[in-house]
Structure formats: structure tokens, C-alpha cells
Amino acid sequence: MDLKIESDNSAVLTIDGELTVTRAEELRAMLISALENADSITVRFKNIIEADLSCLQLFCSAHRSAIDLNKSLTVSRENSEVFRLAAEAAGFSRKKGCILDFEDTCLWIEGGS
């Protein structure tokens, strides 16, 4: 995983390989760092081979934290097929965001971010 904080107070978190429980703590630390150091965070995927519920839950929690902090967290749909399929299999895909998602930025909205 690689986190780059840009000069315009944005961050890009690039994730490569597995998004599974074995990397959950690393992902958690990266998401916290991004939220602490940037107002706008974009997650990009590169060669994702597997994703599981633990990491999906971390993304959901980070998105809720971003909303609470008046920040944005988006997931690039490029190279995200494994992530999308894992979200779909876990029942995360939805047509409307949660009660906190006033601006329709939910990571799980089909066709979203």
C-alpha cells in the first residue's frame, strides 16, 4: 500500500494485491493517516487479487469518519472489479447510501464514485 499526500490537501491511497484480514491493520493505519492529513482522499486499486469483509468494513468506517470530519473519501472504479464483486457478494451494493450519506457519496452505491 502506498499513501501520497498532495500539496492541495488531497491524498491518494494506492492498494496493490490483497484486501484481506491479513492486511486489515495496515489498511486501517493508512486510512487513518489519510483522514488525519488530507481533506480529500481517493483510493486507487492496482492488481487486487482478493478482497474480504474485514477490509470492506474498514472502507465503510473510513467513509463514515470522512463524512463526520467534513472530508471526502472516494474509491476509483478503475481496476476495482475484485473489490466490486466482493462488495456485491457481501451484500454491500445498494441504490442509496446510509442515513449519514447526505451527499450520495456512499462507496457502495451501484455506479457511484
C-alpha atoms as a PDB file:
ATOM      1  CA  MET A   1       0.000   0.000   0.000  1.00  0.00           C
ATOM      2  CA  ASP A   2       1.170   3.472  -0.785  1.00  0.00           C
ATOM      3  CA  LEU A   3      -0.194   6.753   0.573  1.00  0.00           C
ATOM      4  CA  LYS A   4       0.713  10.045  -1.113  1.00  0.00           C
ATOM      5  CA  ILE A   5      -0.367  13.339   0.409  1.00  0.00           C
ATOM      6  CA  GLU A   6      -0.569  16.010  -2.290  1.00  0.00           C
ATOM      7  CA  SER A   7       0.119  19.728  -1.817  1.00  0.00           C
ATOM      8  CA  ASP A   8      -3.545  20.631  -2.386  1.00  0.00           C
ATOM      9  CA  ASN A   9      -4.543  18.804   0.827  1.00  0.00           C
ATOM     10  CA  SER A  10      -5.630  15.692  -1.035  1.00  0.00           C
ATOM     11  CA  ALA A  11      -4.363  12.149  -0.697  1.00  0.00           C
ATOM     12  CA  VAL A  12      -4.164   9.152  -2.988  1.00  0.00           C
ATOM     13  CA  LEU A  13      -4.056   5.722  -1.392  1.00  0.00           C
ATOM     14  CA  THR A  14      -2.939   3.078  -3.870  1.00  0.00           C
ATOM     15  CA  ILE A  15      -3.622  -0.503  -2.870  1.00  0.00           C
ATOM     16  CA  ASP A  16      -1.939  -3.432  -4.560  1.00  0.00           C
ATOM     17  CA  GLY A  17      -2.535  -7.157  -4.050  1.00  0.00           C
ATOM     18  CA  GLU A  18      -4.828  -8.481  -1.336  1.00  0.00           C
ATOM     19  CA  LEU A  19      -7.509  -6.664   0.608  1.00  0.00           C
ATOM     20  CA  THR A  20      -7.981  -9.328   3.252  1.00  0.00           C
ATOM     21  CA  VAL A  21      -7.865  -9.665   7.023  1.00  0.00           C
ATOM     22  CA  THR A  22      -4.103 -10.273   6.850  1.00  0.00           C
ATOM     23  CA  ARG A  23      -3.683  -6.672   5.647  1.00  0.00           C
ATOM     24  CA  ALA A  24      -6.557  -5.115   7.588  1.00  0.00           C
ATOM     25  CA  GLU A  25      -4.367  -3.421  10.202  1.00  0.00           C
ATOM     26  CA  GLU A  26      -2.128  -1.950   7.516  1.00  0.00           C
ATOM     27  CA  LEU A  27      -5.196  -0.671   5.632  1.00  0.00           C
ATOM     28  CA  ARG A  28      -6.676   0.752   8.840  1.00  0.00           C
ATOM     29  CA  ALA A  29      -3.458   2.651   9.607  1.00  0.00           C
ATOM     30  CA  MET A  30      -3.271   4.031   6.061  1.00  0.00           C
ATOM     31  CA  LEU A  31      -6.901   5.188   6.106  1.00  0.00           C
ATOM     32  CA  ILE A  32      -6.437   6.884   9.486  1.00  0.00           C
ATOM     33  CA  SER A  33      -3.294   8.637   8.256  1.00  0.00           C
ATOM     34  CA  ALA A  34      -5.077   9.796   5.115  1.00  0.00           C
ATOM     35  CA  LEU A  35      -8.020  11.161   7.123  1.00  0.00           C
ATOM     36  CA  GLU A  36      -5.664  12.941   9.529  1.00  0.00           C
ATOM     37  CA  ASN A  37      -3.596  14.551   6.783  1.00  0.00           C
ATOM     38  CA  ALA A  38      -5.946  15.348   3.905  1.00  0.00           C
ATOM     39  CA  ASP A  39      -9.424  16.683   3.213  1.00  0.00           C
ATOM     40  CA  SER A  40      -9.973  14.649   0.055  1.00  0.00           C
ATOM     41  CA  ILE A  41      -8.899  11.006  -0.187  1.00  0.00           C
ATOM     42  CA  THR A  42      -9.025   8.872  -3.321  1.00  0.00           C
ATOM     43  CA  VAL A  43      -8.437   5.135  -3.151  1.00  0.00           C
ATOM     44  CA  ARG A  44      -6.989   3.509  -6.256  1.00  0.00           C
ATOM     45  CA  PHE A  45      -6.613  -0.204  -6.853  1.00  0.00           C
ATOM     46  CA  LYS A  46      -3.770  -1.943  -8.637  1.00  0.00           C
ATOM     47  CA  ASN A  47      -3.716  -5.704  -9.217  1.00  0.00           C
ATOM     48  CA  ILE A  48      -6.257  -6.531  -6.493  1.00  0.00           C
ATOM     49  CA  ILE A  49      -6.481 -10.313  -6.345  1.00  0.00           C
ATOM     50  CA  GLU A  50      -8.794 -10.759  -3.363  1.00  0.00           C
ATOM     51  CA  ALA A  51     -10.981  -8.690  -1.027  1.00  0.00           C
ATOM     52  CA  ASP A  52     -12.859  -9.780   2.079  1.00  0.00           C
ATOM     53  CA  LEU A  53     -15.422  -8.456   4.519  1.00  0.00           C
ATOM     54  CA  SER A  54     -12.874  -7.096   7.018  1.00  0.00           C
ATOM     55  CA  CYS A  55     -11.488  -4.615   4.508  1.00  0.00           C
ATOM     56  CA  LEU A  56     -14.921  -3.703   3.146  1.00  0.00           C
ATOM     57  CA  GLN A  57     -15.949  -2.814   6.698  1.00  0.00           C
ATOM     58  CA  LEU A  58     -12.837  -0.655   7.101  1.00  0.00           C
ATOM     59  CA  PHE A  59     -13.718   1.290   3.967  1.00  0.00           C
ATOM     60  CA  CYS A  60     -17.262   1.809   5.222  1.00  0.00           C
ATOM     61  CA  SER A  61     -15.984   3.017   8.597  1.00  0.00           C
ATOM     62  CA  ALA A  62     -13.456   5.355   6.940  1.00  0.00           C
ATOM     63  CA  HIS A  63     -16.179   6.788   4.713  1.00  0.00           C
ATOM     64  CA  ARG A  64     -18.390   7.463   7.743  1.00  0.00           C
ATOM     65  CA  SER A  65     -15.438   9.095   9.513  1.00  0.00           C
ATOM     66  CA  ALA A  66     -14.789  11.249   6.458  1.00  0.00           C
ATOM     67  CA  ILE A  67     -18.407  12.414   6.495  1.00  0.00           C
ATOM     68  CA  ASP A  68     -18.165  13.230  10.224  1.00  0.00           C
ATOM     69  CA  LEU A  69     -14.984  15.235   9.563  1.00  0.00           C
ATOM     70  CA  ASN A  70     -16.440  17.050   6.520  1.00  0.00           C
ATOM     71  CA  LYS A  71     -13.915  15.321   4.301  1.00  0.00           C
ATOM     72  CA  SER A  72     -14.343  13.136   1.243  1.00  0.00           C
ATOM     73  CA  LEU A  73     -13.337   9.555   0.603  1.00  0.00           C
ATOM     74  CA  THR A  74     -13.858   8.106  -2.846  1.00  0.00           C
ATOM     75  CA  VAL A  75     -12.901   4.839  -4.466  1.00  0.00           C
ATOM     76  CA  SER A  76     -11.768   4.890  -8.065  1.00  0.00           C
ATOM     77  CA  ARG A  77     -13.770   2.408 -10.125  1.00  0.00           C
ATOM     78  CA  GLU A  78     -10.756   1.759 -12.343  1.00  0.00           C
ATOM     79  CA  ASN A  79      -9.243  -1.705 -11.684  1.00  0.00           C
ATOM     80  CA  SER A  80     -11.862  -2.331  -8.996  1.00  0.00           C
ATOM     81  CA  GLU A  81     -13.661  -5.422 -10.336  1.00  0.00           C
ATOM     82  CA  VAL A  82     -12.498  -7.688  -7.477  1.00  0.00           C
ATOM     83  CA  PHE A  83     -13.493  -5.021  -4.942  1.00  0.00           C
ATOM     84  CA  ARG A  84     -16.901  -4.578  -6.593  1.00  0.00           C
ATOM     85  CA  LEU A  85     -17.568  -8.314  -6.689  1.00  0.00           C
ATOM     86  CA  ALA A  86     -16.582  -8.692  -3.019  1.00  0.00           C
ATOM     87  CA  ALA A  87     -18.917  -5.835  -2.048  1.00  0.00           C
ATOM     88  CA  GLU A  88     -21.707  -7.405  -4.065  1.00  0.00           C
ATOM     89  CA  ALA A  89     -21.145 -10.874  -2.530  1.00  0.00           C
ATOM     90  CA  ALA A  90     -21.115  -9.368   0.986  1.00  0.00           C
ATOM     91  CA  GLY A  91     -24.390  -7.554   0.362  1.00  0.00           C
ATOM     92  CA  PHE A  92     -22.870  -4.061   0.413  1.00  0.00           C
ATOM     93  CA  SER A  93     -24.130  -2.966  -3.012  1.00  0.00           C
ATOM     94  CA  ARG A  94     -27.029  -0.571  -2.710  1.00  0.00           C
ATOM     95  CA  LYS A  95     -29.074   2.038  -4.529  1.00  0.00           C
ATOM     96  CA  LYS A  96     -28.931   4.649  -1.743  1.00  0.00           C
ATOM     97  CA  GLY A  97     -26.347   5.440   0.930  1.00  0.00           C
ATOM     98  CA  CYS A  98     -26.801   5.130   4.687  1.00  0.00           C
ATOM     99  CA  ILE A  99     -28.567   7.716   6.837  1.00  0.00           C
ATOM    100  CA  LEU A 100     -25.284   9.658   7.237  1.00  0.00           C
ATOM    101  CA  ASP A 101     -24.740   9.969   3.488  1.00  0.00           C
ATOM    102  CA  PHE A 102     -26.466  13.279   2.740  1.00  0.00           C
ATOM    103  CA  GLU A 103     -24.454  13.916  -0.425  1.00  0.00           C
ATOM    104  CA  ASP A 104     -24.802  10.470  -2.057  1.00  0.00           C
ATOM    105  CA  THR A 105     -21.104   9.666  -1.757  1.00  0.00           C
ATOM    106  CA  CYS A 106     -21.611   6.128  -0.427  1.00  0.00           C
ATOM    107  CA  LEU A 107     -18.901   3.776  -1.661  1.00  0.00           C
ATOM    108  CA  TRP A 108     -21.455   1.022  -2.207  1.00  0.00           C
ATOM    109  CA  ILE A 109     -23.948   2.796  -4.458  1.00  0.00           C
ATOM    110  CA  GLU A 110     -24.022   0.947  -7.743  1.00  0.00           C
ATOM    111  CA  GLY A 111     -22.355   3.065 -10.389  1.00  0.00           C
ATOM    112  CA  GLY A 112     -21.146   5.539  -7.737  1.00  0.00           C
ATOM    113  CA  SER A 113     -17.725   7.155  -7.145  1.00  0.00           C
END
